[in-house]
Amino acid sequence: MNQLLLMFLAAFSVSVLATPLVIRLAPKIGAVDIPKDTRRVHTKPMPRFGGMSIFLGTMFVILLFLPKEEQLWGIVLSSTLMYGIGVADDLRSLPPKVKLLGQIICATILYIFSIRISMMGNPFPVGPSVFQFPMAVSYMASLVWVVCVTNAVNLIDGLDGLAAGVCTIACLSIAYTAYLHERLTTCSIMSALAGACMGFLIFNFNPAKIFMGDSGSLYLGYML
């Protein structure tokens, strides 16, 4: 438990320290959200590169504290690619088809590294307790799940503190459940992600000083 708390605090600290630097960096590289239409609730240009703080906080913990197993490398590789897609979208506004293709590639990398949905519990009182999926069904289930959750978080990122707050609660819930089932790697990653989100939230609460941008929302949704 002390180790989990340390990882949470480490990710929180990195995120808190990185966010002010990101706020100054964003205007210099053009990562700024300008209120051009009525659907935006802010009235002045806002840095939208906060995903960097969340990414750095989480990756710092993953690379420093966790054992370098095959599945972990799959997470590091694919989530870094997803973060890169978000960065490109923050800077250049990628077409939706390009982002979708990138999400499919990232989900496929997870599948290759054996992070997949391979079975489903039987909800009925008769028959086997679980249904094992054939490879094709397993791949499609994994792909749909990853793409849907990634975009769900991306879609709710519209108000100050909303996406980061929801993801913090989700991460802590998953971390607690994983801890009960002794899935300590999952628990560690979710604890780090929650800490990074909370560090960013200090600057993202209304009135926000920075937005997480697609680099943050895509990365968060993907990690969940």
C-alpha atoms as a PDB file:
ATOM      1  CA  MET A   1       0.000   0.000   0.000  1.00  0.00           C
ATOM      2  CA  ASN A   2       2.879   2.395   0.784  1.00  0.00           C
ATOM      3  CA  GLN A   3       4.342   1.669  -2.658  1.00  0.00           C
ATOM      4  CA  LEU A   4       1.018   2.507  -4.335  1.00  0.00           C
ATOM      5  CA  LEU A   5       0.771   5.750  -2.400  1.00  0.00           C
ATOM      6  CA  LEU A   6       4.330   6.620  -3.415  1.00  0.00           C
ATOM      7  CA  MET A   7       3.507   6.044  -7.088  1.00  0.00           C
ATOM      8  CA  PHE A   8       0.365   8.167  -6.792  1.00  0.00           C
ATOM      9  CA  LEU A   9       2.309  11.018  -5.180  1.00  0.00           C
ATOM     10  CA  ALA A  10       5.168  10.733  -7.678  1.00  0.00           C
ATOM     11  CA  ALA A  11       2.804  11.063 -10.646  1.00  0.00           C
ATOM     12  CA  PHE A  12       0.946  13.891  -8.891  1.00  0.00           C
ATOM     13  CA  SER A  13       4.184  15.781  -8.245  1.00  0.00           C
ATOM     14  CA  VAL A  14       5.479  15.431 -11.816  1.00  0.00           C
ATOM     15  CA  SER A  15       2.139  16.624 -13.181  1.00  0.00           C
ATOM     16  CA  VAL A  16       1.993  19.620 -10.810  1.00  0.00           C
ATOM     17  CA  LEU A  17       5.533  20.659 -11.663  1.00  0.00           C
ATOM     18  CA  ALA A  18       5.126  20.139 -15.420  1.00  0.00           C
ATOM     19  CA  THR A  19       1.813  21.946 -15.939  1.00  0.00           C
ATOM     20  CA  PRO A  20       3.066  25.546 -15.391  1.00  0.00           C
ATOM     21  CA  LEU A  21       5.856  24.833 -17.871  1.00  0.00           C
ATOM     22  CA  VAL A  22       3.338  23.458 -20.367  1.00  0.00           C
ATOM     23  CA  ILE A  23       1.175  26.578 -19.942  1.00  0.00           C
ATOM     24  CA  ARG A  24       4.132  28.673 -21.085  1.00  0.00           C
ATOM     25  CA  LEU A  25       5.135  26.239 -23.831  1.00  0.00           C
ATOM     26  CA  ALA A  26       1.731  25.851 -25.501  1.00  0.00           C
ATOM     27  CA  PRO A  27       1.415  29.360 -27.057  1.00  0.00           C
ATOM     28  CA  LYS A  28       4.938  29.092 -28.468  1.00  0.00           C
ATOM     29  CA  ILE A  29       4.124  25.940 -30.458  1.00  0.00           C
ATOM     30  CA  GLY A  30       0.580  26.935 -31.444  1.00  0.00           C
ATOM     31  CA  ALA A  31      -1.275  24.595 -29.063  1.00  0.00           C
ATOM     32  CA  VAL A  32      -3.919  27.174 -28.166  1.00  0.00           C
ATOM     33  CA  ASP A  33      -7.707  26.894 -28.245  1.00  0.00           C
ATOM     34  CA  ILE A  34      -9.173  30.094 -29.677  1.00  0.00           C
ATOM     35  CA  PRO A  35     -12.927  30.692 -29.033  1.00  0.00           C
ATOM     36  CA  LYS A  36     -14.192  30.913 -32.613  1.00  0.00           C
ATOM     37  CA  ASP A  37     -17.789  29.781 -32.077  1.00  0.00           C
ATOM     38  CA  THR A  38     -20.625  29.813 -29.535  1.00  0.00           C
ATOM     39  CA  ARG A  39     -20.157  26.222 -28.354  1.00  0.00           C
ATOM     40  CA  ARG A  40     -16.957  27.172 -26.503  1.00  0.00           C
ATOM     41  CA  VAL A  41     -17.534  28.379 -22.963  1.00  0.00           C
ATOM     42  CA  HIS A  42     -14.235  30.263 -22.612  1.00  0.00           C
ATOM     43  CA  THR A  43     -13.847  33.785 -23.983  1.00  0.00           C
ATOM     44  CA  LYS A  44     -10.071  34.072 -24.371  1.00  0.00           C
ATOM     45  CA  PRO A  45      -7.360  31.931 -25.988  1.00  0.00           C
ATOM     46  CA  MET A  46      -6.454  28.977 -23.749  1.00  0.00           C
ATOM     47  CA  PRO A  47      -3.435  26.636 -23.813  1.00  0.00           C
ATOM     48  CA  ARG A  48      -4.590  23.119 -24.736  1.00  0.00           C
ATOM     49  CA  PHE A  49      -1.506  21.011 -24.203  1.00  0.00           C
ATOM     50  CA  GLY A  50      -2.154  19.731 -20.679  1.00  0.00           C
ATOM     51  CA  GLY A  51      -2.020  16.131 -21.845  1.00  0.00           C
ATOM     52  CA  MET A  52       1.766  16.424 -21.655  1.00  0.00           C
ATOM     53  CA  SER A  53       1.608  16.803 -17.868  1.00  0.00           C
ATOM     54  CA  ILE A  54      -0.617  13.747 -17.478  1.00  0.00           C
ATOM     55  CA  PHE A  55       1.522  11.715 -19.873  1.00  0.00           C
ATOM     56  CA  LEU A  56       4.801  12.646 -18.169  1.00  0.00           C
ATOM     57  CA  GLY A  57       3.449  11.954 -14.689  1.00  0.00           C
ATOM     58  CA  THR A  58       2.139   8.527 -15.642  1.00  0.00           C
ATOM     59  CA  MET A  59       5.137   7.452 -17.704  1.00  0.00           C
ATOM     60  CA  PHE A  60       7.556   8.564 -14.995  1.00  0.00           C
ATOM     61  CA  VAL A  61       5.963   6.103 -12.583  1.00  0.00           C
ATOM     62  CA  ILE A  62       5.560   3.273 -15.099  1.00  0.00           C
ATOM     63  CA  LEU A  63       9.174   3.402 -16.251  1.00  0.00           C
ATOM     64  CA  LEU A  64      10.666   3.970 -12.790  1.00  0.00           C
ATOM     65  CA  PHE A  65       8.648   1.666 -10.552  1.00  0.00           C
ATOM     66  CA  LEU A  66       7.090  -1.179 -12.542  1.00  0.00           C
ATOM     67  CA  PRO A  67       8.742  -4.418 -13.750  1.00  0.00           C
ATOM     68  CA  LYS A  68       9.459  -4.309 -17.474  1.00  0.00           C
ATOM     69  CA  GLU A  69       7.285  -7.203 -18.643  1.00  0.00           C
ATOM     70  CA  GLU A  70       6.017  -7.842 -22.173  1.00  0.00           C
ATOM     71  CA  GLN A  71       2.518  -6.514 -21.538  1.00  0.00           C
ATOM     72  CA  LEU A  72       3.872  -3.373 -19.889  1.00  0.00           C
ATOM     73  CA  TRP A  73       5.992  -2.608 -22.947  1.00  0.00           C
ATOM     74  CA  GLY A  74       2.871  -3.011 -25.056  1.00  0.00           C
ATOM     75  CA  ILE A  75       1.117  -0.411 -22.916  1.00  0.00           C
ATOM     76  CA  VAL A  76       4.077   1.978 -23.042  1.00  0.00           C
ATOM     77  CA  LEU A  77       4.484   1.669 -26.819  1.00  0.00           C
ATOM     78  CA  SER A  78       0.819   1.939 -27.765  1.00  0.00           C
ATOM     79  CA  SER A  79      -0.101   4.657 -25.263  1.00  0.00           C
ATOM     80  CA  THR A  80       2.874   6.766 -26.370  1.00  0.00           C
ATOM     81  CA  LEU A  81       1.654   6.434 -29.950  1.00  0.00           C
ATOM     82  CA  MET A  82      -1.851   7.452 -28.862  1.00  0.00           C
ATOM     83  CA  TYR A  83      -0.429  10.448 -27.017  1.00  0.00           C
ATOM     84  CA  GLY A  84       1.487  11.392 -30.166  1.00  0.00           C
ATOM     85  CA  ILE A  85      -1.730  11.255 -32.205  1.00  0.00           C
ATOM     86  CA  GLY A  86      -3.329  13.607 -29.695  1.00  0.00           C
ATOM     87  CA  VAL A  87      -0.375  15.990 -29.878  1.00  0.00           C
ATOM     88  CA  ALA A  88      -0.608  16.068 -33.668  1.00  0.00           C
ATOM     89  CA  ASP A  89      -4.331  16.785 -33.409  1.00  0.00           C
ATOM     90  CA  ASP A  90      -3.756  19.627 -30.926  1.00  0.00           C
ATOM     91  CA  LEU A  91      -1.265  21.211 -33.295  1.00  0.00           C
ATOM     92  CA  ARG A  92      -2.818  20.490 -36.708  1.00  0.00           C
ATOM     93  CA  SER A  93      -6.420  19.215 -36.199  1.00  0.00           C
ATOM     94  CA  LEU A  94      -6.179  15.751 -37.741  1.00  0.00           C
ATOM     95  CA  PRO A  95      -9.115  14.429 -39.826  1.00  0.00           C
ATOM     96  CA  PRO A  96     -11.396  12.045 -37.864  1.00  0.00           C
ATOM     97  CA  LYS A  97     -10.501   9.120 -40.170  1.00  0.00           C
ATOM     98  CA  VAL A  98      -6.805   9.551 -39.398  1.00  0.00           C
ATOM     99  CA  LYS A  99      -7.468   9.579 -35.654  1.00  0.00           C
ATOM    100  CA  LEU A 100      -9.665   6.494 -35.949  1.00  0.00           C
ATOM    101  CA  LEU A 101      -6.980   4.670 -37.926  1.00  0.00           C
ATOM    102  CA  GLY A 102      -4.449   5.585 -35.250  1.00  0.00           C
ATOM    103  CA  GLN A 103      -6.726   4.251 -32.520  1.00  0.00           C
ATOM    104  CA  ILE A 104      -7.158   0.974 -34.411  1.00  0.00           C
ATOM    105  CA  ILE A 105      -3.377   0.635 -34.738  1.00  0.00           C
ATOM    106  CA  CYS A 106      -2.899   1.299 -31.015  1.00  0.00           C
ATOM    107  CA  ALA A 107      -5.564  -1.252 -30.094  1.00  0.00           C
ATOM    108  CA  THR A 108      -3.913  -3.775 -32.406  1.00  0.00           C
ATOM    109  CA  ILE A 109      -0.569  -3.244 -30.670  1.00  0.00           C
ATOM    110  CA  LEU A 110      -2.250  -4.053 -27.350  1.00  0.00           C
ATOM    111  CA  TYR A 111      -3.690  -7.229 -28.848  1.00  0.00           C
ATOM    112  CA  ILE A 112      -0.291  -8.291 -30.170  1.00  0.00           C
ATOM    113  CA  PHE A 113       1.159  -7.835 -26.672  1.00  0.00           C
ATOM    114  CA  SER A 114      -1.564 -10.115 -25.220  1.00  0.00           C
ATOM    115  CA  ILE A 115      -3.708  -7.357 -23.700  1.00  0.00           C
ATOM    116  CA  ARG A 116      -7.108  -8.379 -24.963  1.00  0.00           C
ATOM    117  CA  ILE A 117     -10.673  -9.454 -24.186  1.00  0.00           C
ATOM    118  CA  SER A 118     -10.451 -13.215 -24.552  1.00  0.00           C
ATOM    119  CA  MET A 119     -13.531 -14.421 -22.658  1.00  0.00           C
ATOM    120  CA  MET A 120     -16.884 -13.375 -21.215  1.00  0.00           C
ATOM    121  CA  GLY A 121     -18.669 -14.612 -18.122  1.00  0.00           C
ATOM    122  CA  ASN A 122     -21.856 -16.627 -18.645  1.00  0.00           C
ATOM    123  CA  PRO A 123     -24.824 -14.673 -17.195  1.00  0.00           C
ATOM    124  CA  PHE A 124     -27.108 -17.733 -17.352  1.00  0.00           C
ATOM    125  CA  PRO A 125     -27.371 -20.536 -14.766  1.00  0.00           C
ATOM    126  CA  VAL A 126     -26.715 -23.261 -17.354  1.00  0.00           C
ATOM    127  CA  GLY A 127     -23.692 -23.959 -19.511  1.00  0.00           C
ATOM    128  CA  PRO A 128     -20.027 -23.116 -18.950  1.00  0.00           C
ATOM    129  CA  SER A 129     -19.079 -20.411 -16.456  1.00  0.00           C
ATOM    130  CA  VAL A 130     -17.180 -18.484 -19.154  1.00  0.00           C
ATOM    131  CA  PHE A 131     -17.269 -18.297 -22.938  1.00  0.00           C
ATOM    132  CA  GLN A 132     -13.834 -18.387 -24.566  1.00  0.00           C
ATOM    133  CA  PHE A 133     -13.692 -16.180 -27.664  1.00  0.00           C
ATOM    134  CA  PRO A 134     -12.162 -17.314 -30.965  1.00  0.00           C
ATOM    135  CA  MET A 135      -9.214 -15.172 -32.049  1.00  0.00           C
ATOM    136  CA  ALA A 136     -11.244 -13.071 -34.509  1.00  0.00           C
ATOM    137  CA  VAL A 137     -13.982 -12.355 -31.944  1.00  0.00           C
ATOM    138  CA  SER A 138     -11.381 -11.570 -29.292  1.00  0.00           C
ATOM    139  CA  TYR A 139      -9.668  -9.077 -31.595  1.00  0.00           C
ATOM    140  CA  MET A 140     -12.900  -7.328 -32.596  1.00  0.00           C
ATOM    141  CA  ALA A 141     -14.137  -7.137 -28.994  1.00  0.00           C
ATOM    142  CA  SER A 142     -10.820  -5.688 -27.868  1.00  0.00           C
ATOM    143  CA  LEU A 143     -10.731  -3.239 -30.767  1.00  0.00           C
ATOM    144  CA  VAL A 144     -14.291  -1.969 -30.233  1.00  0.00           C
ATOM    145  CA  TRP A 145     -13.754  -1.609 -26.481  1.00  0.00           C
ATOM    146  CA  VAL A 146     -10.530   0.384 -26.801  1.00  0.00           C
ATOM    147  CA  VAL A 147     -11.826   2.681 -29.541  1.00  0.00           C
ATOM    148  CA  CYS A 148     -15.151   3.328 -27.792  1.00  0.00           C
ATOM    149  CA  VAL A 149     -13.690   4.133 -24.370  1.00  0.00           C
ATOM    150  CA  THR A 150     -10.974   6.301 -25.925  1.00  0.00           C
ATOM    151  CA  ASN A 151     -13.529   8.384 -27.801  1.00  0.00           C
ATOM    152  CA  ALA A 152     -15.954   8.477 -24.872  1.00  0.00           C
ATOM    153  CA  VAL A 153     -13.401  10.360 -22.780  1.00  0.00           C
ATOM    154  CA  ASN A 154     -12.510  12.546 -25.754  1.00  0.00           C
ATOM    155  CA  LEU A 155     -16.171  13.516 -26.180  1.00  0.00           C
ATOM    156  CA  ILE A 156     -16.765  14.517 -22.536  1.00  0.00           C
ATOM    157  CA  ASP A 157     -13.774  16.864 -22.522  1.00  0.00           C
ATOM    158  CA  GLY A 158     -15.810  20.027 -22.912  1.00  0.00           C
ATOM    159  CA  LEU A 159     -16.006  21.697 -19.488  1.00  0.00           C
ATOM    160  CA  ASP A 160     -13.372  22.762 -16.984  1.00  0.00           C
ATOM    161  CA  GLY A 161     -12.294  19.790 -14.906  1.00  0.00           C
ATOM    162  CA  LEU A 162     -14.890  17.387 -16.315  1.00  0.00           C
ATOM    163  CA  ALA A 163     -12.792  14.809 -18.186  1.00  0.00           C
ATOM    164  CA  ALA A 164      -9.908  14.889 -15.689  1.00  0.00           C
ATOM    165  CA  GLY A 165     -12.317  14.649 -12.753  1.00  0.00           C
ATOM    166  CA  VAL A 166     -14.301  11.743 -14.216  1.00  0.00           C
ATOM    167  CA  CYS A 167     -11.093   9.917 -15.143  1.00  0.00           C
ATOM    168  CA  THR A 168      -9.656  10.421 -11.654  1.00  0.00           C
ATOM    169  CA  ILE A 169     -12.726   8.778 -10.128  1.00  0.00           C
ATOM    170  CA  ALA A 170     -12.642   5.974 -12.714  1.00  0.00           C
ATOM    171  CA  CYS A 171      -8.919   5.343 -12.156  1.00  0.00           C
ATOM    172  CA  LEU A 172      -9.278   5.188  -8.377  1.00  0.00           C
ATOM    173  CA  SER A 173     -12.236   2.812  -8.719  1.00  0.00           C
ATOM    174  CA  ILE A 174     -10.303   0.512 -11.062  1.00  0.00           C
ATOM    175  CA  ALA A 175      -7.226   0.714  -8.825  1.00  0.00           C
ATOM    176  CA  TYR A 176      -9.249  -0.335  -5.773  1.00  0.00           C
ATOM    177  CA  THR A 177     -10.895  -3.228  -7.627  1.00  0.00           C
ATOM    178  CA  ALA A 178      -7.534  -4.356  -9.019  1.00  0.00           C
ATOM    179  CA  TYR A 179      -6.009  -4.220  -5.533  1.00  0.00           C
ATOM    180  CA  LEU A 180      -8.760  -6.448  -4.146  1.00  0.00           C
ATOM    181  CA  HIS A 181      -8.019  -9.014  -6.870  1.00  0.00           C
ATOM    182  CA  GLU A 182      -4.229  -8.694  -6.428  1.00  0.00           C
ATOM    183  CA  ARG A 183      -3.746  -7.257  -9.930  1.00  0.00           C
ATOM    184  CA  LEU A 184      -0.970  -5.015  -8.658  1.00  0.00           C
ATOM    185  CA  THR A 185       0.384  -3.849 -12.021  1.00  0.00           C
ATOM    186  CA  THR A 186      -3.060  -2.648 -13.065  1.00  0.00           C
ATOM    187  CA  CYS A 187      -3.525  -1.059  -9.656  1.00  0.00           C
ATOM    188  CA  SER A 188      -0.165   0.713  -9.948  1.00  0.00           C
ATOM    189  CA  ILE A 189      -0.863   2.113 -13.413  1.00  0.00           C
ATOM    190  CA  MET A 190      -4.298   3.361 -12.418  1.00  0.00           C
ATOM    191  CA  SER A 191      -2.920   4.916  -9.224  1.00  0.00           C
ATOM    192  CA  ALA A 192      -0.295   6.763 -11.264  1.00  0.00           C
ATOM    193  CA  LEU A 193      -2.878   7.904 -13.799  1.00  0.00           C
ATOM    194  CA  ALA A 194      -5.147   9.180 -11.009  1.00  0.00           C
ATOM    195  CA  GLY A 195      -2.245  11.075  -9.443  1.00  0.00           C
ATOM    196  CA  ALA A 196      -1.303  12.677 -12.761  1.00  0.00           C
ATOM    197  CA  CYS A 197      -4.932  13.693 -13.358  1.00  0.00           C
ATOM    198  CA  MET A 198      -5.245  15.252  -9.914  1.00  0.00           C
ATOM    199  CA  GLY A 199      -2.035  17.213 -10.407  1.00  0.00           C
ATOM    200  CA  PHE A 200      -3.409  18.570 -13.681  1.00  0.00           C
ATOM    201  CA  LEU A 201      -6.820  19.294 -12.116  1.00  0.00           C
ATOM    202  CA  ILE A 202      -5.286  21.969  -9.890  1.00  0.00           C
ATOM    203  CA  PHE A 203      -4.855  24.064 -13.038  1.00  0.00           C
ATOM    204  CA  ASN A 204      -7.955  22.788 -14.857  1.00  0.00           C
ATOM    205  CA  PHE A 205     -10.675  23.561 -12.304  1.00  0.00           C
ATOM    206  CA  ASN A 206     -12.997  26.421 -13.255  1.00  0.00           C
ATOM    207  CA  PRO A 207     -11.739  28.931 -14.212  1.00  0.00           C
ATOM    208  CA  ALA A 208      -9.225  26.779 -16.042  1.00  0.00           C
ATOM    209  CA  LYS A 209      -5.711  27.989 -16.791  1.00  0.00           C
ATOM    210  CA  ILE A 210      -5.143  25.178 -19.306  1.00  0.00           C
ATOM    211  CA  PHE A 211      -7.053  22.486 -21.223  1.00  0.00           C
ATOM    212  CA  MET A 212      -5.797  18.938 -21.600  1.00  0.00           C
ATOM    213  CA  GLY A 213      -6.479  18.919 -25.352  1.00  0.00           C
ATOM    214  CA  ASP A 214      -6.798  15.763 -27.420  1.00  0.00           C
ATOM    215  CA  SER A 215      -3.323  14.732 -26.283  1.00  0.00           C
ATOM    216  CA  GLY A 216      -4.803  14.380 -22.808  1.00  0.00           C
ATOM    217  CA  SER A 217      -8.299  13.104 -23.511  1.00  0.00           C
ATOM    218  CA  LEU A 218      -7.217  10.474 -26.071  1.00  0.00           C
ATOM    219  CA  TYR A 219      -4.400   9.307 -23.803  1.00  0.00           C
ATOM    220  CA  LEU A 220      -6.667   9.104 -20.754  1.00  0.00           C
ATOM    221  CA  GLY A 221      -9.425   7.260 -22.584  1.00  0.00           C
ATOM    222  CA  TYR A 222      -6.924   4.857 -24.071  1.00  0.00           C
ATOM    223  CA  MET A 223      -5.273   4.102 -20.720  1.00  0.00           C
ATOM    224  CA  LEU A 224      -8.665   3.424 -19.144  1.00  0.00           C
END
